[in-house]
């Protein structure tokens, strides 16, 4: 299962601008299935270094004079590489410096916020592209767009600019278009990977996918905690969450999909973010993990049916029922 580092929970892929790099007419690469596949590939296969995923669309512009100067040439994204997205900052208000840049793939409903050195006049964002990003795509190149804006310490949101990207899958080992057969279980059009048309179409909202991603991130955290304590990978009470607890959560969401709330989806996204995982395990204290992954009382509110899966063996979700009062 691929980790969802970028924008991992809800996609509205119908509006994604996608075209084949070598076919000006758009060809088959402009159809809905290609849009969906490319959106899923971008979501699952690109990491914004030091980025924080926000499960809502980018805020509206509040200051048109707060702008980004950029190179209009398309930025190439190649599997297994890291690419820098550089930009110049134009901010006339020195008393309200830029502290972050916001980025959102066109056609998605989430964005990522990446810190910028306060007061800087230039910035750059590192995009890490997974080796597997082209696995479910045709052996072709795909032109996509990403929206970018600036954010200041005072909360001003700058003018939006469009950055052009080119995802190059021409050297992919496997051309999925040669073997794909609608309804054969490869997830082409139903979103749940079983080819029966009953999924939600976005490839990430079904229970199995959410739980797979939770398991993957939890495994990384569990192993990091165990290694931190010098106890190997089977250190029992020093794990953050047990498989039995994850199975309990899975059963609860299977019975009532509405339990997969925004906060739960944010937890699944954050548990797979390298920077947050490092923070969560730095203290070697399992009880610190949840408070790092969901850092406010508001986001820590999870359905009672999920919290009830928290066993006495591990403190997986116990922070979720705490208040904002400081610990004694």
Protein backbone atom coordinates (compact mmCIF):
# COMPACT_ATOMS: atom_id res chain seq x y z
CA UNK A 1 0.00 0.00 0.00
CA UNK A 2 1.40 3.38 -0.97
CA UNK A 3 1.65 6.01 1.70
CA UNK A 4 -0.51 9.07 1.23
CA UNK A 5 1.85 11.90 2.03
CA UNK A 6 0.25 14.67 0.06
CA UNK A 7 -3.49 15.20 0.12
CA UNK A 8 -4.83 11.99 1.23
CA UNK A 9 -8.52 11.83 2.09
CA UNK A 10 -11.06 13.42 -0.25
CA UNK A 11 -10.55 14.14 -3.94
CA UNK A 12 -12.85 15.80 -6.45
CA UNK A 13 -11.00 14.69 -9.52
CA UNK A 14 -13.51 15.71 -12.15
CA UNK A 15 -12.01 19.17 -12.39
CA UNK A 16 -8.38 18.09 -12.61
CA UNK A 17 -6.69 19.50 -15.70
CA UNK A 18 -4.85 16.64 -17.36
CA UNK A 19 -3.58 16.25 -20.89
CA UNK A 20 -1.22 13.96 -22.68
CA UNK A 21 2.15 15.58 -23.24
CA UNK A 22 2.44 14.32 -26.81
CA UNK A 23 -1.15 14.63 -28.01
CA UNK A 24 -2.49 18.13 -28.45
CA UNK A 25 -5.97 16.79 -28.97
CA UNK A 26 -5.97 15.28 -25.51
CA UNK A 27 -6.68 11.78 -26.82
CA UNK A 28 -7.67 9.16 -24.30
CA UNK A 29 -5.53 10.86 -21.67
CA UNK A 30 -8.11 13.61 -21.25
CA UNK A 31 -10.96 11.33 -20.22
CA UNK A 32 -12.45 10.96 -16.76
CA UNK A 33 -10.62 7.73 -16.00
CA UNK A 34 -7.25 9.31 -16.76
CA UNK A 35 -8.09 12.33 -14.62
CA UNK A 36 -8.94 10.02 -11.75
CA UNK A 37 -5.81 7.93 -12.18
CA UNK A 38 -3.50 10.94 -12.40
CA UNK A 39 -5.12 12.59 -9.37
CA UNK A 40 -4.69 9.40 -7.35
CA UNK A 41 -1.09 9.05 -8.52
CA UNK A 42 -0.25 12.62 -7.50
CA UNK A 43 -2.00 12.21 -4.17
CA UNK A 44 -0.33 8.95 -3.27
CA UNK A 45 3.01 9.46 -4.94
CA UNK A 46 4.24 12.96 -4.08
CA UNK A 47 5.58 14.22 -0.75
CA UNK A 48 5.88 17.91 0.05
CA UNK A 49 8.86 18.10 2.40
CA UNK A 50 7.86 19.62 5.78
CA UNK A 51 4.30 20.08 4.50
CA UNK A 52 1.16 19.88 6.62
CA UNK A 53 -1.99 18.54 5.00
CA UNK A 54 -5.15 20.61 5.54
CA UNK A 55 -8.42 18.81 4.79
CA UNK A 56 -10.11 21.73 3.07
CA UNK A 57 -9.59 23.87 0.01
CA UNK A 58 -7.05 26.67 -0.02
CA UNK A 59 -8.38 29.89 1.59
CA UNK A 60 -9.53 32.69 -0.67
CA UNK A 61 -7.15 35.53 -1.54
CA UNK A 62 -7.29 38.52 0.81
CA UNK A 63 -4.38 40.58 -0.61
CA UNK A 64 -3.83 40.66 -4.37
CA UNK A 65 -0.57 42.59 -3.89
CA UNK A 66 0.99 39.68 -2.00
CA UNK A 67 2.31 37.72 -4.96
CA UNK A 68 4.67 35.05 -6.23
CA UNK A 69 7.10 35.51 -9.10
CA UNK A 70 7.88 32.24 -10.83
CA UNK A 71 9.44 30.57 -13.82
CA UNK A 72 6.57 29.75 -16.17
CA UNK A 73 8.39 26.78 -17.70
CA UNK A 74 6.76 23.45 -16.74
CA UNK A 75 8.45 21.63 -13.86
CA UNK A 76 9.30 18.02 -14.69
CA UNK A 77 8.34 15.30 -12.21
CA UNK A 78 10.19 12.02 -12.74
CA UNK A 79 9.57 8.85 -10.71
CA UNK A 80 12.10 8.26 -7.95
CA UNK A 81 13.46 11.81 -7.93
CA UNK A 82 13.23 14.97 -5.85
CA UNK A 83 12.38 18.27 -7.53
CA UNK A 84 12.63 21.83 -6.24
CA UNK A 85 9.77 24.26 -6.80
CA UNK A 86 11.44 27.70 -6.44
CA UNK A 87 9.65 31.02 -6.18
CA UNK A 88 10.24 34.72 -5.39
CA UNK A 89 8.15 36.49 -2.76
CA UNK A 90 6.67 39.94 -3.36
CA UNK A 91 5.41 41.38 -0.04
CA UNK A 92 5.12 45.13 0.48
CA UNK A 93 4.23 44.85 4.18
CA UNK A 94 7.46 44.24 6.12
CA UNK A 95 5.52 44.21 9.39
CA UNK A 96 3.55 41.17 8.27
CA UNK A 97 6.11 38.73 6.86
CA UNK A 98 5.38 35.63 4.80
CA UNK A 99 5.62 32.46 6.89
CA UNK A 100 4.22 29.77 4.58
CA UNK A 101 3.22 28.87 1.07
CA UNK A 102 -0.01 27.03 0.25
CA UNK A 103 -0.26 24.50 -2.57
CA UNK A 104 -3.22 22.61 -4.01
CA UNK A 105 -3.48 20.38 -7.05
CA UNK A 106 -6.18 21.65 -9.35
CA UNK A 107 -9.31 19.56 -8.96
CA UNK A 108 -8.68 18.47 -5.36
CA UNK A 109 -10.42 19.60 -2.18
CA UNK A 110 -7.38 19.69 0.10
CA UNK A 111 -4.19 21.68 0.24
CA UNK A 112 -0.79 21.50 1.88
CA UNK A 113 0.94 24.24 3.87
CA UNK A 114 4.74 24.43 3.78
CA UNK A 115 6.68 26.70 6.12
CA UNK A 116 8.81 29.48 4.65
CA UNK A 117 11.62 31.24 6.48
CA UNK A 118 10.01 34.29 8.04
CA UNK A 119 10.80 37.47 6.14
CA UNK A 120 12.48 35.66 3.24
CA UNK A 121 12.25 37.11 -0.26
CA UNK A 122 12.75 33.73 -1.93
CA UNK A 123 11.54 30.25 -1.16
CA UNK A 124 11.51 26.72 -2.47
CA UNK A 125 9.50 23.59 -1.89
CA UNK A 126 10.93 20.11 -2.21
CA UNK A 127 8.70 17.62 -4.04
CA UNK A 128 9.71 13.99 -3.60
CA UNK A 129 8.27 11.68 -6.26
CA UNK A 130 7.74 8.02 -5.39
CA UNK A 131 9.19 5.34 -7.68
CA UNK A 132 5.71 3.80 -7.98
CA UNK A 133 3.86 6.96 -9.03
CA UNK A 134 3.38 5.72 -12.63
CA UNK A 135 2.32 2.17 -11.75
CA UNK A 136 -1.35 2.75 -12.57
CA UNK A 137 -0.84 5.13 -15.47
CA UNK A 138 -0.22 4.79 -19.19
CA UNK A 139 3.39 5.03 -20.39
CA UNK A 140 2.98 8.68 -21.31
CA UNK A 141 3.55 12.20 -19.97
CA UNK A 142 0.83 14.19 -18.22
CA UNK A 143 0.49 17.97 -17.92
CA UNK A 144 -1.03 18.94 -14.57
CA UNK A 145 -1.47 22.19 -12.67
CA UNK A 146 -0.87 23.15 -9.07
CA UNK A 147 -2.23 26.31 -7.42
CA UNK A 148 0.12 28.24 -5.12
CA UNK A 149 -0.29 31.23 -2.81
CA UNK A 150 1.50 32.87 0.11
CA UNK A 151 0.41 33.18 3.73
CA UNK A 152 1.65 35.78 6.22
CA UNK A 153 2.05 35.71 9.99
CA UNK A 154 -0.99 37.97 10.22
CA UNK A 155 -3.12 35.62 8.16
CA UNK A 156 -3.15 37.42 4.81
CA UNK A 157 -3.52 35.10 1.82
CA UNK A 158 -1.85 36.20 -1.38
CA UNK A 159 -2.88 36.05 -5.01
CA UNK A 160 -3.08 32.60 -6.55
CA UNK A 161 -0.70 31.55 -9.28
CA UNK A 162 -0.77 28.44 -11.44
CA UNK A 163 2.36 26.30 -11.62
CA UNK A 164 2.62 23.92 -14.57
CA UNK A 165 3.98 20.43 -13.91
CA UNK A 166 4.78 17.55 -16.24
CA UNK A 167 4.56 14.03 -14.84
CA UNK A 168 6.79 11.88 -17.02
CA UNK A 169 5.74 8.24 -17.12
CA UNK A 170 7.20 7.51 -20.55
CA UNK A 171 9.93 5.33 -19.04
CA UNK A 172 7.57 3.35 -16.80
CA UNK A 173 8.36 -0.37 -16.61
CA UNK A 174 4.71 -1.32 -17.07
CA UNK A 175 2.14 0.41 -19.27
CA UNK A 176 -1.11 -0.12 -17.35
CA UNK A 177 -3.11 0.78 -20.47
CA UNK A 178 -1.91 -2.38 -22.19
CA UNK A 179 -3.38 -4.71 -19.56
CA UNK A 180 -6.24 -2.82 -17.95
CA UNK A 181 -9.62 -4.48 -18.39
CA UNK A 182 -12.63 -2.57 -16.99
CA UNK A 183 -14.14 -4.50 -14.14
CA UNK A 184 -11.11 -6.77 -13.69
CA UNK A 185 -10.40 -5.63 -10.16
CA UNK A 186 -7.74 -3.03 -10.90
CA UNK A 187 -9.82 -0.19 -9.52
CA UNK A 188 -10.43 1.45 -12.89
CA UNK A 189 -13.54 3.48 -12.32
CA UNK A 190 -15.05 2.14 -9.12
CA UNK A 191 -12.68 3.65 -6.58
CA UNK A 192 -12.53 0.54 -4.39
CA UNK A 193 -10.29 -1.66 -6.46
CA UNK A 194 -12.69 -4.59 -6.84
CA UNK A 195 -14.02 -3.65 -10.27
CA UNK A 196 -17.66 -3.98 -9.28
CA UNK A 197 -18.60 -0.30 -9.56
CA UNK A 198 -19.75 0.11 -5.96
CA UNK A 199 -16.96 2.34 -4.70
CA UNK A 200 -17.05 6.07 -4.20
CA UNK A 201 -14.93 6.84 -7.25
CA UNK A 202 -12.15 8.69 -5.48
CA UNK A 203 -10.04 5.70 -4.66
CA UNK A 204 -9.48 6.65 -1.04
CA UNK A 205 -12.72 6.84 0.88
CA UNK A 206 -13.54 3.18 1.37
CA UNK A 207 -12.90 1.48 4.69
CA UNK A 208 -10.30 -0.94 3.37
CA UNK A 209 -8.12 1.86 2.03
CA UNK A 210 -8.38 3.99 5.15
CA UNK A 211 -7.51 1.07 7.40
CA UNK A 212 -4.64 -0.04 5.16
CA UNK A 213 -3.15 3.43 5.41
CA UNK A 214 -3.69 3.49 9.17
CA UNK A 215 -1.97 0.11 9.49
CA UNK A 216 0.98 1.23 7.40
CA UNK A 217 1.56 4.43 9.37
CA UNK A 218 0.94 2.69 12.70
CA UNK A 219 3.48 0.02 11.84
CA UNK A 220 6.12 2.67 11.16
CA UNK A 221 5.36 4.40 14.46
CA UNK A 222 5.28 1.15 16.42
CA UNK A 223 8.62 0.04 15.01
CA UNK A 224 10.17 3.46 15.65
CA UNK A 225 9.01 3.40 19.28
CA UNK A 226 10.33 -0.10 19.80
CA UNK A 227 13.67 0.75 18.22
CA UNK A 228 13.85 3.93 20.30
CA UNK A 229 13.46 1.81 23.46
CA UNK A 230 16.04 -0.69 22.21
CA UNK A 231 13.48 -3.48 22.27
CA UNK A 232 13.23 -4.59 18.65
CA UNK A 233 9.90 -4.87 16.86
CA UNK A 234 7.96 -6.89 19.46
CA UNK A 235 7.99 -4.69 22.52
CA UNK A 236 4.36 -5.01 23.60
CA UNK A 237 3.30 -2.13 25.80
CA UNK A 238 5.72 0.25 24.10
CA UNK A 239 3.71 0.09 20.90
CA UNK A 240 1.41 3.00 20.08
CA UNK A 241 -1.50 0.94 18.75
CA UNK A 242 -2.16 -2.79 18.46
CA UNK A 243 -3.53 -4.73 15.53
CA UNK A 244 -6.53 -5.70 17.66
CA UNK A 245 -7.37 -2.02 18.13
CA UNK A 246 -7.07 -1.38 14.39
CA UNK A 247 -9.35 -4.34 13.67
CA UNK A 248 -11.85 -2.94 16.17
CA UNK A 249 -11.77 0.44 14.40
CA UNK A 250 -12.18 -1.28 11.04
CA UNK A 251 -15.21 -3.22 12.25
CA UNK A 252 -16.77 -0.04 13.67
CA UNK A 253 -16.36 1.87 10.39
CA UNK A 254 -17.57 -1.11 8.36
CA UNK A 255 -20.74 -1.08 10.45
CA UNK A 256 -21.15 2.70 10.18
CA UNK A 257 -19.06 4.47 7.50
CA UNK A 258 -20.07 7.84 8.97
CA UNK A 259 -17.58 7.13 11.78
CA UNK A 260 -14.81 7.93 9.29
CA UNK A 261 -15.07 11.61 10.21
CA UNK A 262 -12.85 14.43 9.02
CA UNK A 263 -10.76 14.14 12.18
CA UNK A 264 -10.29 10.40 11.69
CA UNK A 265 -9.24 10.95 8.08
CA UNK A 266 -6.81 13.64 9.23
CA UNK A 267 -5.33 11.13 11.69
CA UNK A 268 -4.83 8.66 8.83
CA UNK A 269 -3.13 11.34 6.72
CA UNK A 270 -0.89 12.55 9.55
CA UNK A 271 0.18 9.09 10.66
CA UNK A 272 1.86 8.78 7.25
CA UNK A 273 3.67 12.13 7.32
CA UNK A 274 7.38 11.61 7.95
CA UNK A 275 7.88 14.90 9.80
CA UNK A 276 5.01 14.23 12.20
CA UNK A 277 6.05 10.62 12.75
CA UNK A 278 9.53 11.81 13.71
CA UNK A 279 8.05 14.27 16.20
CA UNK A 280 5.64 11.70 17.57
CA UNK A 281 8.34 9.13 18.29
CA UNK A 282 11.20 11.42 19.30
CA UNK A 283 10.41 11.14 23.03
CA UNK A 284 10.14 7.31 22.92
CA UNK A 285 6.82 7.77 24.75
CA UNK A 286 3.78 6.07 23.15
CA UNK A 287 1.42 8.29 25.12
CA UNK A 288 2.82 11.34 23.29
CA UNK A 289 1.99 10.07 19.80
CA UNK A 290 -1.70 10.92 19.50
CA UNK A 291 -1.23 14.47 20.76
CA UNK A 292 1.34 15.10 18.02
CA UNK A 293 -0.69 13.53 15.22
CA UNK A 294 -3.81 15.51 16.21
CA UNK A 295 -2.52 18.48 18.14
CA UNK A 296 -5.68 20.33 19.25
CA UNK A 297 -8.68 19.39 21.36
CA UNK A 298 -10.94 20.11 18.39
CA UNK A 299 -9.16 17.74 16.02
CA UNK A 300 -8.80 15.09 18.74
CA UNK A 301 -12.55 14.60 18.91
CA UNK A 302 -13.24 11.15 17.48
CA UNK A 303 -16.48 9.14 17.56
CA UNK A 304 -17.06 7.24 20.79
CA UNK A 305 -17.22 3.96 18.84
CA UNK A 306 -13.63 4.49 17.71
CA UNK A 307 -12.34 5.68 21.07
CA UNK A 308 -13.85 2.58 22.68
CA UNK A 309 -11.41 0.49 20.65
CA UNK A 310 -8.58 1.92 22.77
CA UNK A 311 -7.37 -0.90 25.01
CA UNK A 312 -5.56 -0.69 28.33
CA UNK A 313 -2.46 -2.22 26.76
CA UNK A 314 -1.64 0.85 24.69
CA UNK A 315 -2.56 4.56 25.01
CA UNK A 316 -3.48 4.85 21.32
CA UNK A 317 -6.47 7.23 21.48
CA UNK A 318 -6.65 8.18 25.14
CA UNK A 319 -5.54 11.76 24.48
CA UNK A 320 -8.68 12.19 22.38
CA UNK A 321 -10.83 12.58 25.47
CA UNK A 322 -8.61 15.10 27.24
CA UNK A 323 -9.28 18.84 27.51
CA UNK A 324 -7.18 21.89 26.75
CA UNK A 325 -6.19 22.15 30.42
CA UNK A 326 -2.43 21.76 30.93
CA UNK A 327 -1.21 18.53 32.44
CA UNK A 328 -0.39 18.73 36.18
